Amino acid sequence: MEEAIVKPFRKIIHVDMDAFYASIEQRDFPEYRGKPIVVGGSPEGRGGVVATASYEARKFGVRSAMPSKKAKQLCPQVIFVYPRFAVYKEVSYKIREIFQRYTDLIEPLSLDEAYLDVTEDKLGIGSAIEIATQIKDAINSELQLTASAGISINKFVAKIASDMNKPNGLTFIGPSRVENFIEKLPVEKFFGVGKVTAEKMKGMNLHTGADLKKLKETELIKHFGKAGRFYYKIVRGEDNRPVKPDREAKSVGAEDTFPYDLTDVEEMVIQLKKLSVLVVNRLQKQELKGRTITLKVKYHDFKQITRSRSFLNGIDDEETILETVLSLLQQTETENVKVRLLGISLSNFNDVKINSIQELPNDQLTLF
C-alpha cells in the first residue's frame, strides 16, 4: 500500500509598511518628526481626505480615508502635508529590490504592501521568520523606515497577522494555530467583510469565525452569495490562493484634484496637458501601450463621469493621448460648470473594447 504524500505547508509573508507616506515625510523632513502629520487633502480644501496619518496623529483617532476636516477636529495641531507620489514610488521600488534578494514570488498589493512566498527562498535560509526579520532589518537600515510582517501558511492569515503588532511588528501564526486563530477572529476583521456585511452577520448572531463555522456551506452561500463559499473554507484555514508575481496592470493613469474649481476650458486643457505627460511617463516606464483612453471629470457637486475611446492599436504617445482626451472633454459639460478633478487613464492592454460612455455614482471620492 502506497503511503499518502503529505504536501508541505507554504511559507507566506505579508509585509506592510508602517504609515508609509507619513513615515517618509518624517524621515525626509526633521521638522515633522514626533509630530502628528497627515498626508492628504487640506481641511481648507473641498472634500479632502486622509491618505496616511502618522502614529502621533493616530493617537487622536485620525485614520486613513477620514475627511480632512474631521481629522482637524480630532487633532487641532495636526500638520497637513501634500503627497509626493514620485518619492513614494521610488522608495517602493527599493523595498521590492530587498524582497527580490529572497524570492521572485512577490505579489505587490500597493506601494506599501506585498505578499512573498518564501517556501523555497533564494538564499536557502529555510525559516520564514528569519527571512521576515532580515527584510525588516534591511528596510530599517537602508531606508530608515519600519515595516510590519505577518507570517503563516496562507495569504489570508499572513495579512491579518501583519496588522496585529504594528508598528514594527512581526507575528507568526503557525500551522497548528491557524484554525483556532480564525475561529476567534471577529467577523469585521475578515478581509472583504465591510460594514454592511458585518452588521448582517451580527444580526444573524454571527460574531466570530467560530460562529461562521457552525453554518453549512449552502447556508453561507444562501446568505452571502459566492463570498459564502470563501467564508466556509477560510474559517477552516483553507486558502490556496497562490502568490502571483505576474499581476498585470489593468490601467495606468494620473489624476489631480485642484485647490480651486476650474471654470475655464483653457485651464482644463492646461491641466490635461500636464496629466498626459505623467501618464506617458508611467506607460513607458512599464513598457505598456493601452488601447482604451479614458477621461475622468468630477464636478464640484461630486458628480463624476468618464468618457472613453478605444483604438485598434496600443497607444503610448503624448500627442494621441492629449488629442483624444481633449476631444472627449468636448463630450462633457464645459459651460457654466465647476470642475474639481480631472484624470486620464489608459487600459485595455490586451483586448479591444468598443467606445463607452459611463456615469459613476457621485459618492466616489478621491484622496486629494
Protein backbone atom coordinates (compact mmCIF):
# COMPACT_ATOMS: atom_id res chain seq x y z
CA MET A 1 0.00 0.00 0.00
CA GLU A 2 1.42 3.34 -1.08
CA GLU A 3 1.93 6.00 1.56
CA ALA A 4 -0.03 9.21 1.16
CA ILE A 5 2.07 12.15 0.06
CA VAL A 6 1.78 14.98 2.55
CA LYS A 7 2.05 18.33 0.84
CA PRO A 8 4.30 20.70 2.84
CA PHE A 9 2.85 23.91 4.20
CA ARG A 10 3.60 27.06 2.28
CA LYS A 11 5.58 29.87 3.89
CA ILE A 12 3.82 33.15 3.16
CA ILE A 13 4.95 36.56 4.40
CA HIS A 14 2.82 39.68 4.20
CA VAL A 15 4.92 42.84 4.56
CA ASP A 16 3.07 46.07 5.32
CA MET A 17 4.94 49.34 5.70
CA ASP A 18 4.11 51.39 8.78
CA ALA A 19 2.29 54.68 7.99
CA PHE A 20 4.22 54.61 4.70
CA TYR A 21 3.65 58.08 3.22
CA ALA A 22 3.76 59.82 6.60
CA SER A 23 6.89 57.94 7.67
CA ILE A 24 8.71 59.00 4.50
CA GLU A 25 7.78 62.63 5.14
CA GLN A 26 9.03 62.39 8.73
CA ARG A 27 12.23 60.73 7.54
CA ASP A 28 12.93 63.41 4.93
CA PHE A 29 11.83 66.44 6.97
CA PRO A 30 13.10 66.51 10.57
CA GLU A 31 10.58 69.21 11.50
CA TYR A 32 7.80 66.61 11.14
CA ARG A 33 9.36 64.02 13.43
CA GLY A 34 7.44 63.26 16.59
CA LYS A 35 4.55 65.41 15.41
CA PRO A 36 1.06 64.43 14.22
CA ILE A 37 1.02 64.73 10.45
CA VAL A 38 -1.44 63.77 7.75
CA VAL A 39 -0.57 63.17 4.13
CA GLY A 40 -3.57 64.22 2.09
CA GLY A 41 -6.04 66.97 1.42
CA SER A 42 -6.07 70.12 3.49
CA PRO A 43 -9.18 70.77 5.63
CA GLU A 44 -9.46 74.14 3.86
CA GLY A 45 -9.93 72.32 0.55
CA ARG A 46 -13.09 70.68 -0.66
CA GLY A 47 -13.64 67.01 0.08
CA GLY A 48 -10.06 66.26 1.05
CA VAL A 49 -9.43 63.03 2.92
CA VAL A 50 -6.56 61.48 4.84
CA ALA A 51 -4.29 59.24 2.77
CA THR A 52 -1.99 58.31 5.66
CA ALA A 53 -1.72 59.54 9.24
CA SER A 54 1.43 59.34 11.33
CA TYR A 55 1.21 57.31 14.53
CA GLU A 56 1.29 60.54 16.51
CA ALA A 57 -1.93 61.58 14.73
CA ARG A 58 -3.48 58.14 15.12
CA LYS A 59 -3.36 58.54 18.89
CA PHE A 60 -6.07 61.17 18.44
CA GLY A 61 -8.24 58.83 16.36
CA VAL A 62 -7.14 60.11 12.94
CA ARG A 63 -7.37 57.35 10.33
CA SER A 64 -6.88 56.80 6.61
CA ALA A 65 -9.85 57.75 4.41
CA MET A 66 -11.18 60.08 7.12
CA PRO A 67 -12.35 63.52 5.91
CA SER A 68 -9.60 66.08 6.50
CA LYS A 69 -11.98 68.35 8.42
CA LYS A 70 -12.74 65.52 10.84
CA ALA A 71 -9.01 64.90 11.30
CA LYS A 72 -8.51 68.57 12.13
CA GLN A 73 -11.33 68.44 14.67
CA LEU A 74 -9.84 65.38 16.39
CA CYS A 75 -6.31 66.77 16.36
CA PRO A 76 -6.22 70.59 16.01
CA GLN A 77 -2.40 70.63 15.92
CA VAL A 78 -2.18 68.17 13.01
CA ILE A 79 0.10 69.17 10.12
CA PHE A 80 -1.20 68.52 6.59
CA VAL A 81 1.44 67.54 4.04
CA TYR A 82 0.90 67.41 0.29
CA PRO A 83 1.80 63.95 -1.09
CA ARG A 84 4.94 63.27 -3.14
CA PHE A 85 3.94 60.18 -5.06
CA ALA A 86 7.09 60.09 -7.18
CA VAL A 87 9.14 59.75 -3.98
CA TYR A 88 6.83 57.09 -2.52
CA LYS A 89 7.05 55.08 -5.73
CA GLU A 90 10.84 55.25 -5.78
CA VAL A 91 11.01 54.02 -2.18
CA SER A 92 8.58 51.24 -3.08
CA TYR A 93 10.95 50.08 -5.85
CA LYS A 94 13.81 49.93 -3.34
CA ILE A 95 11.69 47.87 -0.96
CA ARG A 96 10.89 45.45 -3.75
CA GLU A 97 14.61 45.12 -4.51
CA ILE A 98 15.08 43.98 -0.92
CA PHE A 99 12.30 41.40 -1.34
CA GLN A 100 13.95 40.09 -4.51
CA ARG A 101 17.04 39.10 -2.57
CA TYR A 102 14.98 36.32 -1.04
CA THR A 103 12.31 35.35 -3.59
CA ASP A 104 10.89 36.14 -7.01
CA LEU A 105 7.40 35.16 -5.86
CA ILE A 106 6.29 38.69 -4.90
CA GLU A 107 2.74 39.97 -5.27
CA PRO A 108 2.53 43.72 -4.63
CA LEU A 109 -0.88 44.90 -3.44
CA SER A 110 0.03 48.59 -3.42
CA LEU A 111 3.12 50.75 -2.99
CA ASP A 112 3.39 49.80 0.68
CA GLU A 113 2.43 46.15 0.98
CA ALA A 114 3.11 42.82 -0.69
CA TYR A 115 2.86 39.07 -0.30
CA LEU A 116 6.00 36.96 -0.54
CA ASP A 117 6.13 33.19 -0.97
CA VAL A 118 9.37 32.00 0.64
CA THR A 119 8.57 28.29 0.71
CA GLU A 120 11.80 27.96 -1.27
CA ASP A 121 13.95 31.05 -0.77
CA LYS A 122 16.90 32.07 -2.92
CA LEU A 123 19.42 32.06 -0.08
CA GLY A 124 18.43 28.69 1.34
CA ILE A 125 17.59 30.18 4.75
CA GLY A 126 14.57 27.95 5.20
CA SER A 127 12.97 29.93 8.04
CA ALA A 128 10.24 32.38 7.06
CA ILE A 129 10.62 34.10 10.44
CA GLU A 130 14.33 34.67 9.82
CA ILE A 131 13.65 35.96 6.30
CA ALA A 132 10.99 38.38 7.53
CA THR A 133 13.38 39.58 10.26
CA GLN A 134 16.15 40.18 7.73
CA ILE A 135 13.78 42.04 5.41
CA LYS A 136 12.59 44.29 8.23
CA ASP A 137 16.17 44.97 9.31
CA ALA A 138 17.20 45.82 5.73
CA ILE A 139 14.29 48.21 5.27
CA ASN A 140 15.20 49.91 8.53
CA SER A 141 18.94 50.18 7.97
CA GLU A 142 18.88 51.01 4.25
CA LEU A 143 15.73 53.15 4.02
CA GLN A 144 15.27 54.35 7.61
CA LEU A 145 11.69 53.08 7.63
CA THR A 146 9.86 50.38 9.57
CA ALA A 147 7.64 47.59 8.33
CA SER A 148 5.41 45.03 9.99
CA ALA A 149 5.28 41.43 8.84
CA GLY A 150 2.79 38.61 9.19
CA ILE A 151 3.87 35.02 8.57
CA SER A 152 1.67 31.99 8.08
CA ILE A 153 0.71 29.18 5.72
CA ASN A 154 -1.67 31.25 3.58
CA LYS A 155 -2.29 34.78 2.39
CA PHE A 156 -5.41 35.40 4.49
CA VAL A 157 -3.80 34.71 7.85
CA ALA A 158 -0.47 36.34 6.93
CA LYS A 159 -2.24 39.59 6.04
CA ILE A 160 -4.22 39.69 9.28
CA ALA A 161 -1.09 38.81 11.27
CA SER A 162 0.88 41.73 9.82
CA ASP A 163 -1.61 44.15 11.35
CA MET A 164 -1.55 42.66 14.84
CA ASN A 165 1.55 44.28 16.34
CA LYS A 166 2.04 47.50 14.41
CA PRO A 167 4.26 49.40 14.15
CA ASN A 168 7.47 47.45 13.53
CA GLY A 169 5.78 44.16 14.40
CA LEU A 170 6.41 40.56 13.46
CA THR A 171 3.69 37.99 14.03
CA PHE A 172 3.87 34.28 13.23
CA ILE A 173 0.76 32.11 13.11
CA GLY A 174 1.98 28.54 12.72
CA PRO A 175 0.07 25.67 11.06
CA SER A 176 -1.23 24.25 14.33
CA ARG A 177 -2.64 27.64 15.39
CA VAL A 178 -4.31 28.73 12.14
CA GLU A 179 -7.77 27.25 12.61
CA ASN A 180 -8.05 28.31 16.25
CA PHE A 181 -6.80 31.79 15.33
CA ILE A 182 -9.50 32.21 12.69
CA GLU A 183 -12.22 30.84 14.98
CA LYS A 184 -11.51 33.62 17.49
CA LEU A 185 -11.34 36.32 14.84
CA PRO A 186 -14.20 38.90 14.93
CA VAL A 187 -16.12 38.88 11.65
CA GLU A 188 -15.28 42.54 10.98
CA LYS A 189 -11.59 41.57 10.91
CA PHE A 190 -12.18 39.26 7.95
CA PHE A 191 -10.80 40.96 4.86
CA GLY A 192 -13.61 41.52 2.40
CA VAL A 193 -16.22 41.89 5.14
CA GLY A 194 -17.34 45.52 5.08
CA LYS A 195 -19.62 47.35 7.50
CA VAL A 196 -22.83 46.24 5.79
CA THR A 197 -21.87 42.56 5.70
CA ALA A 198 -20.55 42.69 9.27
CA GLU A 199 -23.85 44.14 10.50
CA LYS A 200 -25.77 41.48 8.59
CA MET A 201 -23.65 38.77 10.18
CA LYS A 202 -24.12 40.19 13.66
CA GLY A 203 -27.84 40.38 13.02
CA MET A 204 -27.66 36.62 12.41
CA ASN A 205 -25.74 36.22 15.69
CA LEU A 206 -22.50 35.57 13.80
CA HIS A 207 -19.77 37.41 15.67
CA THR A 208 -16.63 35.31 15.18
CA GLY A 209 -15.07 32.80 12.84
CA ALA A 210 -16.32 30.06 15.18
CA ASP A 211 -19.88 31.27 14.64
CA LEU A 212 -19.45 31.19 10.87
CA LYS A 213 -18.02 27.69 11.16
CA LYS A 214 -21.31 26.40 12.56
CA LEU A 215 -23.11 27.10 9.27
CA LYS A 216 -23.13 24.75 6.33
CA GLU A 217 -21.61 25.90 3.06
CA THR A 218 -25.05 26.02 1.44
CA GLU A 219 -26.33 28.28 4.22
CA LEU A 220 -23.41 30.69 3.87
CA ILE A 221 -23.89 30.83 0.10
CA LYS A 222 -27.61 31.43 0.57
CA HIS A 223 -26.98 34.44 2.82
CA PHE A 224 -23.76 35.86 1.32
CA GLY A 225 -23.62 34.66 -2.27
CA LYS A 226 -20.31 33.48 -3.72
CA ALA A 227 -18.46 35.00 -0.77
CA GLY A 228 -20.18 32.39 1.40
CA ARG A 229 -18.08 29.68 -0.22
CA PHE A 230 -14.93 31.62 0.68
CA TYR A 231 -16.08 32.10 4.29
CA TYR A 232 -16.79 28.38 4.59
CA LYS A 233 -13.26 27.47 3.54
CA ILE A 234 -11.38 30.24 5.30
CA VAL A 235 -12.82 29.52 8.75
CA ARG A 236 -11.32 26.06 8.30
CA GLY A 237 -7.95 27.55 7.46
CA GLU A 238 -8.26 26.77 3.75
CA ASP A 239 -6.82 29.45 1.46
CA ASN A 240 -4.96 28.05 -1.51
CA ARG A 241 -4.61 31.31 -3.41
CA PRO A 242 -1.08 31.45 -4.82
CA VAL A 243 1.21 34.45 -4.58
CA LYS A 244 1.03 35.84 -8.10
CA PRO A 245 4.16 37.72 -9.16
CA ASP A 246 2.76 38.44 -12.61
CA ARG A 247 -0.20 40.62 -11.63
CA GLU A 248 -0.96 42.63 -14.74
CA ALA A 249 -1.82 46.29 -14.54
CA LYS A 250 -5.43 46.83 -15.53
CA SER A 251 -4.91 50.55 -16.09
CA VAL A 252 -2.26 53.24 -15.93
CA GLY A 253 -3.24 56.81 -15.28
CA ALA A 254 -2.94 60.08 -13.39
CA GLU A 255 -5.45 62.46 -11.88
CA ASP A 256 -5.47 65.66 -9.86
CA THR A 257 -7.91 67.41 -7.57
CA PHE A 258 -7.44 71.14 -7.81
CA PRO A 259 -7.14 73.66 -4.97
CA TYR A 260 -9.97 75.61 -6.60
CA ASP A 261 -12.71 74.72 -9.08
CA LEU A 262 -11.84 75.07 -12.76
CA THR A 263 -14.45 77.03 -14.68
CA ASP A 264 -12.47 77.91 -17.79
CA VAL A 265 -11.88 75.39 -20.59
CA GLU A 266 -8.39 76.74 -21.21
CA GLU A 267 -7.46 75.94 -17.60
CA MET A 268 -8.79 72.42 -18.07
CA VAL A 269 -6.68 72.00 -21.20
CA ILE A 270 -3.54 73.13 -19.36
CA GLN A 271 -4.17 70.57 -16.60
CA LEU A 272 -4.87 67.80 -19.11
CA LYS A 273 -1.56 68.55 -20.83
CA LYS A 274 0.25 68.08 -17.51
CA LEU A 275 -1.61 64.84 -16.79
CA SER A 276 -0.91 63.44 -20.25
CA VAL A 277 2.84 63.86 -19.68
CA LEU A 278 2.60 61.95 -16.39
CA VAL A 279 0.60 59.16 -17.99
CA VAL A 280 3.05 58.78 -20.88
CA ASN A 281 5.98 58.57 -18.47
CA ARG A 282 4.23 55.85 -16.47
CA LEU A 283 3.25 53.89 -19.57
CA GLN A 284 6.75 53.97 -20.99
CA LYS A 285 8.31 53.05 -17.65
CA GLN A 286 6.14 49.93 -17.55
CA GLU A 287 6.54 49.34 -21.30
CA LEU A 288 2.77 49.33 -21.80
CA LYS A 289 0.52 50.54 -24.59
CA GLY A 290 -3.19 50.90 -23.91
CA ARG A 291 -5.97 50.67 -26.46
CA THR A 292 -8.58 52.49 -24.41
CA ILE A 293 -8.13 56.09 -23.31
CA THR A 294 -10.45 57.34 -20.56
CA LEU A 295 -11.09 60.88 -19.37
CA LYS A 296 -12.49 61.33 -15.86
CA VAL A 297 -14.23 64.51 -14.78
CA LYS A 298 -15.52 65.24 -11.30
CA TYR A 299 -17.65 68.34 -10.72
CA HIS A 300 -17.93 70.49 -7.61
CA ASP A 301 -21.07 68.60 -6.54
CA PHE A 302 -19.07 65.30 -6.68
CA LYS A 303 -20.91 64.06 -9.76
CA GLN A 304 -18.34 62.04 -11.67
CA ILE A 305 -18.36 60.96 -15.30
CA THR A 306 -15.98 59.18 -17.63
CA ARG A 307 -15.66 59.27 -21.38
CA SER A 308 -13.65 56.63 -23.24
CA ARG A 309 -12.40 55.89 -26.72
CA SER A 310 -10.74 52.70 -27.94
CA PHE A 311 -8.27 52.10 -30.74
CA LEU A 312 -7.20 49.08 -32.75
CA ASN A 313 -3.56 49.54 -31.77
CA GLY A 314 -1.93 50.30 -28.44
CA ILE A 315 -1.18 53.93 -27.59
CA ASP A 316 1.64 55.41 -25.51
CA ASP A 317 2.41 58.73 -27.20
CA GLU A 318 1.53 62.09 -25.66
CA GLU A 319 0.14 63.64 -28.83
CA THR A 320 -2.52 60.98 -29.40
CA ILE A 321 -3.46 60.81 -25.73
CA LEU A 322 -3.84 64.58 -25.39
CA GLU A 323 -5.73 64.94 -28.68
CA THR A 324 -8.11 62.17 -27.59
CA VAL A 325 -8.84 63.50 -24.11
CA LEU A 326 -9.44 67.00 -25.46
CA SER A 327 -11.94 65.50 -27.90
CA LEU A 328 -13.56 63.57 -25.05
CA LEU A 329 -13.69 66.75 -22.98
CA GLN A 330 -15.93 68.27 -25.64
CA GLN A 331 -18.40 65.44 -24.97
CA THR A 332 -18.78 66.64 -21.38
CA GLU A 333 -20.32 69.69 -19.83
CA THR A 334 -17.81 72.54 -20.01
CA GLU A 335 -20.05 75.62 -19.96
CA ASN A 336 -21.13 77.08 -16.64
CA VAL A 337 -19.63 74.20 -14.65
CA LYS A 338 -17.11 73.89 -11.86
CA VAL A 339 -14.61 71.05 -12.24
CA ARG A 340 -12.74 69.85 -9.14
CA LEU A 341 -10.88 66.87 -10.62
CA LEU A 342 -9.55 65.68 -13.97
CA GLY A 343 -7.99 62.32 -14.70
CA ILE A 344 -6.57 60.40 -17.65
CA SER A 345 -6.05 56.65 -17.78
CA LEU A 346 -5.17 54.01 -20.35
CA SER A 347 -6.39 50.45 -20.12
CA ASN A 348 -7.30 47.51 -22.33
CA PHE A 349 -3.73 46.36 -22.80
CA ASN A 350 -4.83 43.05 -24.34
CA ASP A 351 -8.36 43.36 -25.68
CA VAL A 352 -10.15 45.94 -27.78
CA LYS A 353 -13.42 47.25 -26.40
CA ILE A 354 -16.00 49.42 -28.05
CA ASN A 355 -16.32 53.11 -27.21
CA SER A 356 -18.13 53.67 -23.96
CA ILE A 357 -19.82 56.43 -22.03
CA GLN A 358 -20.21 55.75 -18.35
CA GLU A 359 -21.57 57.69 -15.42
CA LEU A 360 -20.39 56.86 -11.91
CA PRO A 361 -22.09 57.45 -8.55
CA ASN A 362 -21.42 60.85 -7.08
CA ASP A 363 -20.15 59.40 -3.81
CA GLN A 364 -16.89 58.04 -5.20
CA LEU A 365 -14.28 60.36 -3.70
CA THR A 366 -10.58 60.52 -4.44
CA LEU A 367 -7.89 61.03 -1.83
CA PHE A 368 -6.98 64.61 -2.61
